[in-house]
Amino acid sequence: MTTHANGLAVDVRGLRKQYGDVTAVDGIDLGIGRGEVFGLLGPNGAGKSTTVEILQGNRSRDAGEVRVLGSDPASGTRAWRSRVGIVWQDESAPAELTVRETVRHFARYYPKPRDPEAVIGLVGLEAKADSRLKALSGGQRRRLDVALGVIGDPELLLLDEPTTGFDPAARRQFWDLIRTLSDEGTTILLTTHYLEEAEALADRLAVVTAGRIVAEGTPSALRERYGTEATVEWTEPDGSPRTERTATPTRTVAELMHRFDGEIPGLRVSRPTLEDVYLRLTGQEDAR
């Protein structure tokens, strides 16, 4: 594989990983372009975190070809590792250090780190720079985790469920941070359970279930390809609500306009959401 030549930051073919009798990753193919924000979606146990761990070089694979920034993660050098940042679900920086001390300490691990003060500002922790980690809120700790992930100025940033536990306001602020990093040219691989987050951030998505990719494309392409039915709602003359699921909503509305001779009371047309598509692809459609 020629990852640099074909413009891919991540190039995976036939990736497999087995744990005893359990197949965690079952033949995944994946290509992520340089500068792209790519979302990896799937239920718990689908193989997302295992895939990310293999890409980062923290877990071995049983089969397949993997190139990340042109190298095999299984034999990645220290120089290669400095080009890959990662933010796991759980980080464990020493609680007694301050934010500034922590970021400066981690900066020493990299040959060409970002300026620690600039990174603290990038993640919005200027006001907490001299606070000890144990005094930070959950959202602030998560921002620090991201600071440690980007302090080495990585070309690729791997984010594993980065906004778990965030309140809505903190999540939106985090989205702005990811967009800033993307605008600077960082390639980002994001795993998340939040479908709104995936749709807001990702250029492309892959849905993983039982260790396999079952769909891949832009959010809009996935909705168009797999969201086959829209929902049309209206109110009958006697005041009773009606709902119809249809693959031809325009035709349904036209028929209603003819029947109502113009204005349709309570008309609402809902197209399939990314969540609808995700639940259908992962076999959880009845869980809504």
C-alpha atoms as a PDB file:
ATOM      1  CA  MET A   1       0.000   0.000   0.000  1.00  0.00           C
ATOM      2  CA  THR A   2       1.188   3.531  -0.766  1.00  0.00           C
ATOM      3  CA  THR A   3      -0.480   5.687   1.861  1.00  0.00           C
ATOM      4  CA  HIS A   4       1.443   8.857   1.035  1.00  0.00           C
ATOM      5  CA  ALA A   5       1.047   8.467  -2.708  1.00  0.00           C
ATOM      6  CA  ASN A   6      -2.712   7.947  -2.571  1.00  0.00           C
ATOM      7  CA  GLY A   7      -3.257  10.833  -0.135  1.00  0.00           C
ATOM      8  CA  LEU A   8      -4.400   8.639   2.739  1.00  0.00           C
ATOM      9  CA  ALA A   9      -3.417   9.196   6.345  1.00  0.00           C
ATOM     10  CA  VAL A  10      -4.898   5.801   7.279  1.00  0.00           C
ATOM     11  CA  ASP A  11      -5.039   2.819   4.905  1.00  0.00           C
ATOM     12  CA  VAL A  12      -6.411  -0.474   6.247  1.00  0.00           C
ATOM     13  CA  ARG A  13      -7.121  -3.673   4.327  1.00  0.00           C
ATOM     14  CA  GLY A  14      -8.583  -6.887   5.750  1.00  0.00           C
ATOM     15  CA  LEU A  15      -7.977  -5.995   9.426  1.00  0.00           C
ATOM     16  CA  ARG A  16      -8.774  -8.828  11.830  1.00  0.00           C
ATOM     17  CA  LYS A  17      -8.489  -9.275  15.580  1.00  0.00           C
ATOM     18  CA  GLN A  18      -9.600 -12.270  17.640  1.00  0.00           C
ATOM     19  CA  TYR A  19      -9.901 -12.644  21.426  1.00  0.00           C
ATOM     20  CA  GLY A  20     -10.279 -16.352  22.054  1.00  0.00           C
ATOM     21  CA  ASP A  21     -13.547 -17.351  20.410  1.00  0.00           C
ATOM     22  CA  VAL A  22     -14.661 -13.741  20.004  1.00  0.00           C
ATOM     23  CA  THR A  23     -13.956 -11.934  16.737  1.00  0.00           C
ATOM     24  CA  ALA A  24     -13.600  -8.251  17.610  1.00  0.00           C
ATOM     25  CA  VAL A  25     -12.577  -7.023  14.138  1.00  0.00           C
ATOM     26  CA  ASP A  26     -13.628  -9.098  11.148  1.00  0.00           C
ATOM     27  CA  GLY A  27     -12.027  -7.896   7.914  1.00  0.00           C
ATOM     28  CA  ILE A  28     -12.291  -4.110   8.087  1.00  0.00           C
ATOM     29  CA  ASP A  29     -11.188  -2.000   5.108  1.00  0.00           C
ATOM     30  CA  LEU A  30     -10.721   1.673   5.845  1.00  0.00           C
ATOM     31  CA  GLY A  31      -9.229   4.687   4.075  1.00  0.00           C
ATOM     32  CA  ILE A  32      -9.010   8.124   5.686  1.00  0.00           C
ATOM     33  CA  GLY A  33      -7.758  11.060   3.630  1.00  0.00           C
ATOM     34  CA  ARG A  34      -5.264  13.570   4.964  1.00  0.00           C
ATOM     35  CA  GLY A  35      -7.033  16.466   6.662  1.00  0.00           C
ATOM     36  CA  GLU A  36     -10.302  14.539   6.858  1.00  0.00           C
ATOM     37  CA  VAL A  37     -12.547  14.196   9.925  1.00  0.00           C
ATOM     38  CA  PHE A  38     -13.734  10.592   9.879  1.00  0.00           C
ATOM     39  CA  GLY A  39     -16.364   9.199  12.253  1.00  0.00           C
ATOM     40  CA  LEU A  40     -16.456   5.556  13.338  1.00  0.00           C
ATOM     41  CA  LEU A  41     -19.894   4.604  14.666  1.00  0.00           C
ATOM     42  CA  GLY A  42     -21.169   1.419  16.224  1.00  0.00           C
ATOM     43  CA  PRO A  43     -22.651  -0.120  19.376  1.00  0.00           C
ATOM     44  CA  ASN A  44     -20.535  -1.192  22.330  1.00  0.00           C
ATOM     45  CA  GLY A  45     -18.462  -4.232  21.421  1.00  0.00           C
ATOM     46  CA  ALA A  46     -18.602  -3.511  17.685  1.00  0.00           C
ATOM     47  CA  GLY A  47     -14.798  -3.302  17.408  1.00  0.00           C
ATOM     48  CA  LYS A  48     -14.300   0.474  17.273  1.00  0.00           C
ATOM     49  CA  SER A  49     -11.875   0.841  20.185  1.00  0.00           C
ATOM     50  CA  THR A  50      -9.907  -2.248  19.144  1.00  0.00           C
ATOM     51  CA  THR A  51      -9.488  -0.772  15.670  1.00  0.00           C
ATOM     52  CA  VAL A  52      -8.292   2.548  17.096  1.00  0.00           C
ATOM     53  CA  GLU A  53      -5.839   0.759  19.409  1.00  0.00           C
ATOM     54  CA  ILE A  54      -4.363  -1.121  16.438  1.00  0.00           C
ATOM     55  CA  LEU A  55      -4.029   2.088  14.438  1.00  0.00           C
ATOM     56  CA  GLN A  56      -2.205   3.712  17.332  1.00  0.00           C
ATOM     57  CA  GLY A  57       0.144   0.732  17.735  1.00  0.00           C
ATOM     58  CA  ASN A  58      -1.067  -0.196  21.222  1.00  0.00           C
ATOM     59  CA  ARG A  59      -2.576  -3.517  20.152  1.00  0.00           C
ATOM     60  CA  SER A  60      -1.403  -6.212  17.758  1.00  0.00           C
ATOM     61  CA  ARG A  61      -3.523  -7.491  14.882  1.00  0.00           C
ATOM     62  CA  ASP A  62      -4.074 -11.063  13.736  1.00  0.00           C
ATOM     63  CA  ALA A  63      -4.329 -10.308  10.015  1.00  0.00           C
ATOM     64  CA  GLY A  64      -4.545  -7.498   7.509  1.00  0.00           C
ATOM     65  CA  GLU A  65      -2.437  -4.640   6.200  1.00  0.00           C
ATOM     66  CA  VAL A  66      -2.298  -1.342   8.086  1.00  0.00           C
ATOM     67  CA  ARG A  67      -0.530   1.889   7.200  1.00  0.00           C
ATOM     68  CA  VAL A  68      -0.838   4.997   9.335  1.00  0.00           C
ATOM     69  CA  LEU A  69       1.025   8.054   8.054  1.00  0.00           C
ATOM     70  CA  GLY A  70       2.933   5.707   5.764  1.00  0.00           C
ATOM     71  CA  SER A  71       4.106   3.252   8.443  1.00  0.00           C
ATOM     72  CA  ASP A  72       2.940   0.009  10.001  1.00  0.00           C
ATOM     73  CA  PRO A  73       1.841   0.858  13.585  1.00  0.00           C
ATOM     74  CA  ALA A  74       3.056  -2.554  14.769  1.00  0.00           C
ATOM     75  CA  SER A  75       6.634  -1.426  14.154  1.00  0.00           C
ATOM     76  CA  GLY A  76       6.172   2.312  14.609  1.00  0.00           C
ATOM     77  CA  THR A  77       9.274   4.189  15.715  1.00  0.00           C
ATOM     78  CA  ARG A  78       9.388   6.873  18.375  1.00  0.00           C
ATOM     79  CA  ALA A  79       9.463   9.483  15.633  1.00  0.00           C
ATOM     80  CA  TRP A  80       6.341   7.977  14.075  1.00  0.00           C
ATOM     81  CA  ARG A  81       4.523   7.897  17.429  1.00  0.00           C
ATOM     82  CA  SER A  82       5.212  11.598  17.904  1.00  0.00           C
ATOM     83  CA  ARG A  83       3.120  12.253  14.779  1.00  0.00           C
ATOM     84  CA  VAL A  84       0.031  10.505  16.185  1.00  0.00           C
ATOM     85  CA  GLY A  85      -2.011  11.973  19.030  1.00  0.00           C
ATOM     86  CA  ILE A  86      -4.649  10.038  20.939  1.00  0.00           C
ATOM     87  CA  VAL A  87      -7.363  10.834  23.447  1.00  0.00           C
ATOM     88  CA  TRP A  88      -8.794   7.767  25.186  1.00  0.00           C
ATOM     89  CA  GLN A  89     -12.036   7.583  27.138  1.00  0.00           C
ATOM     90  CA  ASP A  90     -10.115   7.509  30.427  1.00  0.00           C
ATOM     91  CA  GLU A  91      -6.898   9.427  31.054  1.00  0.00           C
ATOM     92  CA  SER A  92      -4.850   9.411  34.252  1.00  0.00           C
ATOM     93  CA  ALA A  93      -2.588  12.454  34.549  1.00  0.00           C
ATOM     94  CA  PRO A  94      -1.381  13.088  38.140  1.00  0.00           C
ATOM     95  CA  ALA A  95      -4.140  14.877  40.076  1.00  0.00           C
ATOM     96  CA  GLU A  96      -1.745  17.052  42.106  1.00  0.00           C
ATOM     97  CA  LEU A  97      -0.204  18.784  39.079  1.00  0.00           C
ATOM     98  CA  THR A  98      -1.652  21.980  37.659  1.00  0.00           C
ATOM     99  CA  VAL A  99      -2.912  22.257  34.104  1.00  0.00           C
ATOM    100  CA  ARG A 100       0.162  24.264  33.083  1.00  0.00           C
ATOM    101  CA  GLU A 101       2.582  21.830  34.758  1.00  0.00           C
ATOM    102  CA  THR A 102       0.883  18.855  33.091  1.00  0.00           C
ATOM    103  CA  VAL A 103       0.909  20.308  29.575  1.00  0.00           C
ATOM    104  CA  ARG A 104       4.523  21.467  29.891  1.00  0.00           C
ATOM    105  CA  HIS A 105       5.551  18.043  31.219  1.00  0.00           C
ATOM    106  CA  PHE A 106       3.969  16.170  28.321  1.00  0.00           C
ATOM    107  CA  ALA A 107       5.461  18.634  25.817  1.00  0.00           C
ATOM    108  CA  ARG A 108       8.920  17.327  26.738  1.00  0.00           C
ATOM    109  CA  TYR A 109       8.064  13.927  25.243  1.00  0.00           C
ATOM    110  CA  TYR A 110       7.919  15.323  21.697  1.00  0.00           C
ATOM    111  CA  PRO A 111      10.659  16.547  19.349  1.00  0.00           C
ATOM    112  CA  LYS A 112       8.666  19.536  18.055  1.00  0.00           C
ATOM    113  CA  PRO A 113       5.792  20.228  20.452  1.00  0.00           C
ATOM    114  CA  ARG A 114       3.316  23.045  20.221  1.00  0.00           C
ATOM    115  CA  ASP A 115       3.758  25.938  22.610  1.00  0.00           C
ATOM    116  CA  PRO A 116       2.156  24.800  25.924  1.00  0.00           C
ATOM    117  CA  GLU A 117       0.552  28.173  26.584  1.00  0.00           C
ATOM    118  CA  ALA A 118      -0.940  28.222  23.098  1.00  0.00           C
ATOM    119  CA  VAL A 119      -2.360  24.726  23.566  1.00  0.00           C
ATOM    120  CA  ILE A 120      -3.903  25.674  26.909  1.00  0.00           C
ATOM    121  CA  GLY A 121      -5.573  28.566  25.120  1.00  0.00           C
ATOM    122  CA  LEU A 122      -6.644  26.341  22.224  1.00  0.00           C
ATOM    123  CA  VAL A 123      -8.645  24.079  24.568  1.00  0.00           C
ATOM    124  CA  GLY A 124     -10.072  26.997  26.536  1.00  0.00           C
ATOM    125  CA  LEU A 125      -8.310  26.402  29.847  1.00  0.00           C
ATOM    126  CA  GLU A 126      -6.500  29.728  30.270  1.00  0.00           C
ATOM    127  CA  ALA A 127      -8.494  30.545  33.408  1.00  0.00           C
ATOM    128  CA  LYS A 128      -7.646  27.139  34.878  1.00  0.00           C
ATOM    129  CA  ALA A 129      -3.963  27.037  33.930  1.00  0.00           C
ATOM    130  CA  ASP A 130      -2.809  27.167  37.561  1.00  0.00           C
ATOM    131  CA  SER A 131      -5.563  24.921  38.954  1.00  0.00           C
ATOM    132  CA  ARG A 132      -4.715  21.431  40.100  1.00  0.00           C
ATOM    133  CA  LEU A 133      -6.245  18.645  38.056  1.00  0.00           C
ATOM    134  CA  LYS A 134      -8.267  17.351  40.987  1.00  0.00           C
ATOM    135  CA  ALA A 135     -10.105  20.702  41.068  1.00  0.00           C
ATOM    136  CA  LEU A 136     -11.233  20.524  37.425  1.00  0.00           C
ATOM    137  CA  SER A 137     -14.723  19.589  36.318  1.00  0.00           C
ATOM    138  CA  GLY A 138     -15.266  16.571  34.092  1.00  0.00           C
ATOM    139  CA  GLY A 139     -15.533  18.743  31.003  1.00  0.00           C
ATOM    140  CA  GLN A 140     -12.362  20.622  31.921  1.00  0.00           C
ATOM    141  CA  ARG A 141     -10.492  17.354  32.448  1.00  0.00           C
ATOM    142  CA  ARG A 142     -11.624  16.244  29.016  1.00  0.00           C
ATOM    143  CA  ARG A 143     -10.292  19.480  27.526  1.00  0.00           C
ATOM    144  CA  LEU A 144      -6.980  18.771  29.222  1.00  0.00           C
ATOM    145  CA  ASP A 145      -6.992  15.270  27.715  1.00  0.00           C
ATOM    146  CA  VAL A 146      -7.329  16.863  24.297  1.00  0.00           C
ATOM    147  CA  ALA A 147      -4.520  19.302  25.111  1.00  0.00           C
ATOM    148  CA  LEU A 148      -2.253  16.336  25.884  1.00  0.00           C
ATOM    149  CA  GLY A 149      -3.363  14.681  22.654  1.00  0.00           C
ATOM    150  CA  VAL A 150      -2.397  17.682  20.511  1.00  0.00           C
ATOM    151  CA  ILE A 151       0.649  19.024  22.396  1.00  0.00           C
ATOM    152  CA  GLY A 152       2.963  17.045  20.101  1.00  0.00           C
ATOM    153  CA  ASP A 153       1.424  18.763  17.045  1.00  0.00           C
ATOM    154  CA  PRO A 154       0.215  15.439  15.576  1.00  0.00           C
ATOM    155  CA  GLU A 155      -0.664  14.922  11.947  1.00  0.00           C
ATOM    156  CA  LEU A 156      -3.313  12.406  13.026  1.00  0.00           C
ATOM    157  CA  LEU A 157      -5.518  12.689  16.124  1.00  0.00           C
ATOM    158  CA  LEU A 158      -7.448   9.645  17.368  1.00  0.00           C
ATOM    159  CA  LEU A 159     -10.435  10.501  19.580  1.00  0.00           C
ATOM    160  CA  ASP A 160     -12.195   7.648  21.395  1.00  0.00           C
ATOM    161  CA  GLU A 161     -15.582   8.808  22.755  1.00  0.00           C
ATOM    162  CA  PRO A 162     -14.146  12.262  23.525  1.00  0.00           C
ATOM    163  CA  THR A 163     -17.326  13.957  24.835  1.00  0.00           C
ATOM    164  CA  THR A 164     -18.697  11.222  27.092  1.00  0.00           C
ATOM    165  CA  GLY A 165     -20.046  12.923  30.214  1.00  0.00           C
ATOM    166  CA  PHE A 166     -20.123  16.423  28.684  1.00  0.00           C
ATOM    167  CA  ASP A 167     -23.132  18.668  29.195  1.00  0.00           C
ATOM    168  CA  PRO A 168     -24.628  20.105  25.975  1.00  0.00           C
ATOM    169  CA  ALA A 169     -22.791  23.437  26.247  1.00  0.00           C
ATOM    170  CA  ALA A 170     -19.410  21.782  26.838  1.00  0.00           C
ATOM    171  CA  ARG A 171     -20.039  19.421  23.929  1.00  0.00           C
ATOM    172  CA  ARG A 172     -20.695  22.326  21.543  1.00  0.00           C
ATOM    173  CA  GLN A 173     -17.518  24.078  22.712  1.00  0.00           C
ATOM    174  CA  PHE A 174     -15.588  20.862  22.096  1.00  0.00           C
ATOM    175  CA  TRP A 175     -16.990  20.698  18.562  1.00  0.00           C
ATOM    176  CA  ASP A 176     -15.573  24.159  17.906  1.00  0.00           C
ATOM    177  CA  LEU A 177     -12.176  22.900  19.076  1.00  0.00           C
ATOM    178  CA  ILE A 178     -12.289  19.918  16.697  1.00  0.00           C
ATOM    179  CA  ARG A 179     -13.243  22.199  13.818  1.00  0.00           C
ATOM    180  CA  THR A 180     -10.289  24.448  14.644  1.00  0.00           C
ATOM    181  CA  LEU A 181      -7.894  21.488  14.601  1.00  0.00           C
ATOM    182  CA  SER A 182      -9.373  20.280  11.323  1.00  0.00           C
ATOM    183  CA  ASP A 183      -9.012  23.735   9.774  1.00  0.00           C
ATOM    184  CA  GLU A 184      -5.312  23.598  10.750  1.00  0.00           C
ATOM    185  CA  GLY A 185      -4.942  20.408   8.694  1.00  0.00           C
ATOM    186  CA  THR A 186      -5.055  17.738  11.407  1.00  0.00           C
ATOM    187  CA  THR A 187      -6.541  14.419  10.297  1.00  0.00           C
ATOM    188  CA  ILE A 188      -9.059  13.259  12.913  1.00  0.00           C
ATOM    189  CA  LEU A 189     -10.573   9.832  13.559  1.00  0.00           C
ATOM    190  CA  LEU A 190     -13.511  10.087  15.944  1.00  0.00           C
ATOM    191  CA  THR A 191     -15.482   7.327  17.644  1.00  0.00           C
ATOM    192  CA  THR A 192     -18.703   8.455  19.285  1.00  0.00           C
ATOM    193  CA  HIS A 193     -22.144   7.284  20.367  1.00  0.00           C
ATOM    194  CA  TYR A 194     -23.604  10.734  19.745  1.00  0.00           C
ATOM    195  CA  LEU A 195     -25.135  10.756  16.275  1.00  0.00           C
ATOM    196  CA  GLU A 196     -25.631  14.536  16.301  1.00  0.00           C
ATOM    197  CA  GLU A 197     -21.937  14.918  17.057  1.00  0.00           C
ATOM    198  CA  ALA A 198     -20.935  12.622  14.207  1.00  0.00           C
ATOM    199  CA  GLU A 199     -23.145  14.485  11.768  1.00  0.00           C
ATOM    200  CA  ALA A 200     -21.864  17.883  12.915  1.00  0.00           C
ATOM    201  CA  LEU A 201     -18.166  17.030  12.721  1.00  0.00           C
ATOM    202  CA  ALA A 202     -17.447  14.206  10.303  1.00  0.00           C
ATOM    203  CA  ASP A 203     -16.744  14.573   6.590  1.00  0.00           C
ATOM    204  CA  ARG A 204     -17.415  10.850   6.237  1.00  0.00           C
ATOM    205  CA  LEU A 205     -18.703   8.065   8.485  1.00  0.00           C
ATOM    206  CA  ALA A 206     -18.396   4.303   8.744  1.00  0.00           C
ATOM    207  CA  VAL A 207     -20.903   2.213  10.700  1.00  0.00           C
ATOM    208  CA  VAL A 208     -19.390  -0.852  12.366  1.00  0.00           C
ATOM    209  CA  THR A 209     -21.302  -3.780  13.786  1.00  0.00           C
ATOM    210  CA  ALA A 210     -19.968  -7.189  14.840  1.00  0.00           C
ATOM    211  CA  GLY A 211     -16.485  -6.173  13.723  1.00  0.00           C
ATOM    212  CA  ARG A 212     -17.486  -5.284  10.162  1.00  0.00           C
ATOM    213  CA  ILE A 213     -18.179  -2.049   8.327  1.00  0.00           C
ATOM    214  CA  VAL A 214     -21.772  -2.250   7.096  1.00  0.00           C
ATOM    215  CA  ALA A 215     -21.992   1.230   5.545  1.00  0.00           C
ATOM    216  CA  GLU A 216     -19.675   4.110   4.698  1.00  0.00           C
ATOM    217  CA  GLY A 217     -20.124   7.575   3.222  1.00  0.00           C
ATOM    218  CA  THR A 218     -20.968  11.169   3.991  1.00  0.00           C
ATOM    219  CA  PRO A 219     -23.797  11.703   6.508  1.00  0.00           C
ATOM    220  CA  SER A 220     -26.098  12.949   3.756  1.00  0.00           C
ATOM    221  CA  ALA A 221     -25.234  10.012   1.477  1.00  0.00           C
ATOM    222  CA  LEU A 222     -25.972   7.507   4.249  1.00  0.00           C
ATOM    223  CA  ARG A 223     -29.347   9.132   4.941  1.00  0.00           C
ATOM    224  CA  GLU A 224     -30.211   9.081   1.257  1.00  0.00           C
ATOM    225  CA  ARG A 225     -29.029   5.503   0.697  1.00  0.00           C
ATOM    226  CA  TYR A 226     -30.433   3.826   3.808  1.00  0.00           C
ATOM    227  CA  GLY A 227     -33.175   6.170   5.011  1.00  0.00           C
ATOM    228  CA  THR A 228     -35.787   4.861   2.625  1.00  0.00           C
ATOM    229  CA  GLU A 229     -38.981   6.231   4.195  1.00  0.00           C
ATOM    230  CA  ALA A 230     -40.157   9.654   5.300  1.00  0.00           C
ATOM    231  CA  THR A 231     -42.973  10.322   7.777  1.00  0.00           C
ATOM    232  CA  VAL A 232     -45.915  12.518   6.767  1.00  0.00           C
ATOM    233  CA  GLU A 233     -48.162  13.792   9.553  1.00  0.00           C
ATOM    234  CA  TRP A 234     -51.391  15.777   9.253  1.00  0.00           C
ATOM    235  CA  THR A 235     -54.703  16.425  11.027  1.00  0.00           C
ATOM    236  CA  GLU A 236     -58.004  15.163   9.687  1.00  0.00           C
ATOM    237  CA  PRO A 237     -61.095  17.456   9.597  1.00  0.00           C
ATOM    238  CA  ASP A 238     -62.442  15.757  12.722  1.00  0.00           C
ATOM    239  CA  GLY A 239     -59.258  16.735  14.576  1.00  0.00           C
ATOM    240  CA  SER A 240     -57.704  13.286  14.664  1.00  0.00           C
ATOM    241  CA  PRO A 241     -53.952  13.075  13.896  1.00  0.00           C
ATOM    242  CA  ARG A 242     -52.746  10.860  11.060  1.00  0.00           C
ATOM    243  CA  THR A 243     -49.287   9.523  10.279  1.00  0.00           C
ATOM    244  CA  GLU A 244     -48.027   7.730   7.180  1.00  0.00           C
ATOM    245  CA  ARG A 245     -44.575   6.380   6.420  1.00  0.00           C
ATOM    246  CA  THR A 246     -43.792   6.505   2.731  1.00  0.00           C
ATOM    247  CA  ALA A 247     -40.929   6.387   0.257  1.00  0.00           C
ATOM    248  CA  THR A 248     -42.757   9.019  -1.861  1.00  0.00           C
ATOM    249  CA  PRO A 249     -43.620  11.854   0.530  1.00  0.00           C
ATOM    250  CA  THR A 250     -44.058  14.440  -2.243  1.00  0.00           C
ATOM    251  CA  ARG A 251     -46.750  12.310  -3.850  1.00  0.00           C
ATOM    252  CA  THR A 252     -48.479  11.826  -0.493  1.00  0.00           C
ATOM    253  CA  VAL A 253     -48.502  15.591   0.138  1.00  0.00           C
ATOM    254  CA  ALA A 254     -49.864  16.235  -3.365  1.00  0.00           C
ATOM    255  CA  GLU A 255     -52.710  13.778  -2.739  1.00  0.00           C
ATOM    256  CA  LEU A 256     -53.478  15.443   0.583  1.00  0.00           C
ATOM    257  CA  MET A 257     -53.508  18.899  -1.042  1.00  0.00           C
ATOM    258  CA  HIS A 258     -56.050  17.649  -3.547  1.00  0.00           C
ATOM    259  CA  ARG A 259     -58.181  16.096  -0.810  1.00  0.00           C
ATOM    260  CA  PHE A 260     -58.040  19.164   1.431  1.00  0.00           C
ATOM    261  CA  ASP A 261     -58.350  21.550  -1.527  1.00  0.00           C
ATOM    262  CA  GLY A 262     -55.202  23.457  -0.541  1.00  0.00           C
ATOM    263  CA  GLU A 263     -53.883  23.957   3.005  1.00  0.00           C
ATOM    264  CA  ILE A 264     -53.238  20.721   4.916  1.00  0.00           C
ATOM    265  CA  PRO A 265     -53.896  21.081   8.677  1.00  0.00           C
ATOM    266  CA  GLY A 266     -50.961  20.123  10.899  1.00  0.00           C
ATOM    267  CA  LEU A 267     -48.770  19.059   7.976  1.00  0.00           C
ATOM    268  CA  ARG A 268     -45.311  17.879   8.928  1.00  0.00           C
ATOM    269  CA  VAL A 269     -42.855  15.920   6.770  1.00  0.00           C
ATOM    270  CA  SER A 270     -39.901  14.288   8.552  1.00  0.00           C
ATOM    271  CA  ARG A 271     -37.036  12.829   6.579  1.00  0.00           C
ATOM    272  CA  PRO A 272     -35.032   9.934   8.048  1.00  0.00           C
ATOM    273  CA  THR A 273     -32.340  11.133  10.445  1.00  0.00           C
ATOM    274  CA  LEU A 274     -28.843   9.763  10.800  1.00  0.00           C
ATOM    275  CA  GLU A 275     -30.039   8.123  14.007  1.00  0.00           C
ATOM    276  CA  ASP A 276     -32.791   6.310  12.088  1.00  0.00           C
ATOM    277  CA  VAL A 277     -30.215   5.071   9.586  1.00  0.00           C
ATOM    278  CA  TYR A 278     -27.768   4.052  12.314  1.00  0.00           C
ATOM    279  CA  LEU A 279     -30.384   2.051  14.237  1.00  0.00           C
ATOM    280  CA  ARG A 280     -31.465   0.314  11.028  1.00  0.00           C
ATOM    281  CA  LEU A 281     -27.898  -0.578  10.036  1.00  0.00           C
ATOM    282  CA  THR A 282     -27.015  -1.908  13.496  1.00  0.00           C
ATOM    283  CA  GLY A 283     -30.225  -3.911  13.897  1.00  0.00           C
ATOM    284  CA  GLN A 284     -31.566  -1.724  16.712  1.00  0.00           C
ATOM    285  CA  GLU A 285     -34.472  -0.107  14.876  1.00  0.00           C
ATOM    286  CA  ASP A 286     -37.029  -1.568  17.307  1.00  0.00           C
ATOM    287  CA  ALA A 287     -35.118  -0.104  20.277  1.00  0.00           C
ATOM    288  CA  ARG A 288     -36.458   3.423  19.684  1.00  0.00           C
END
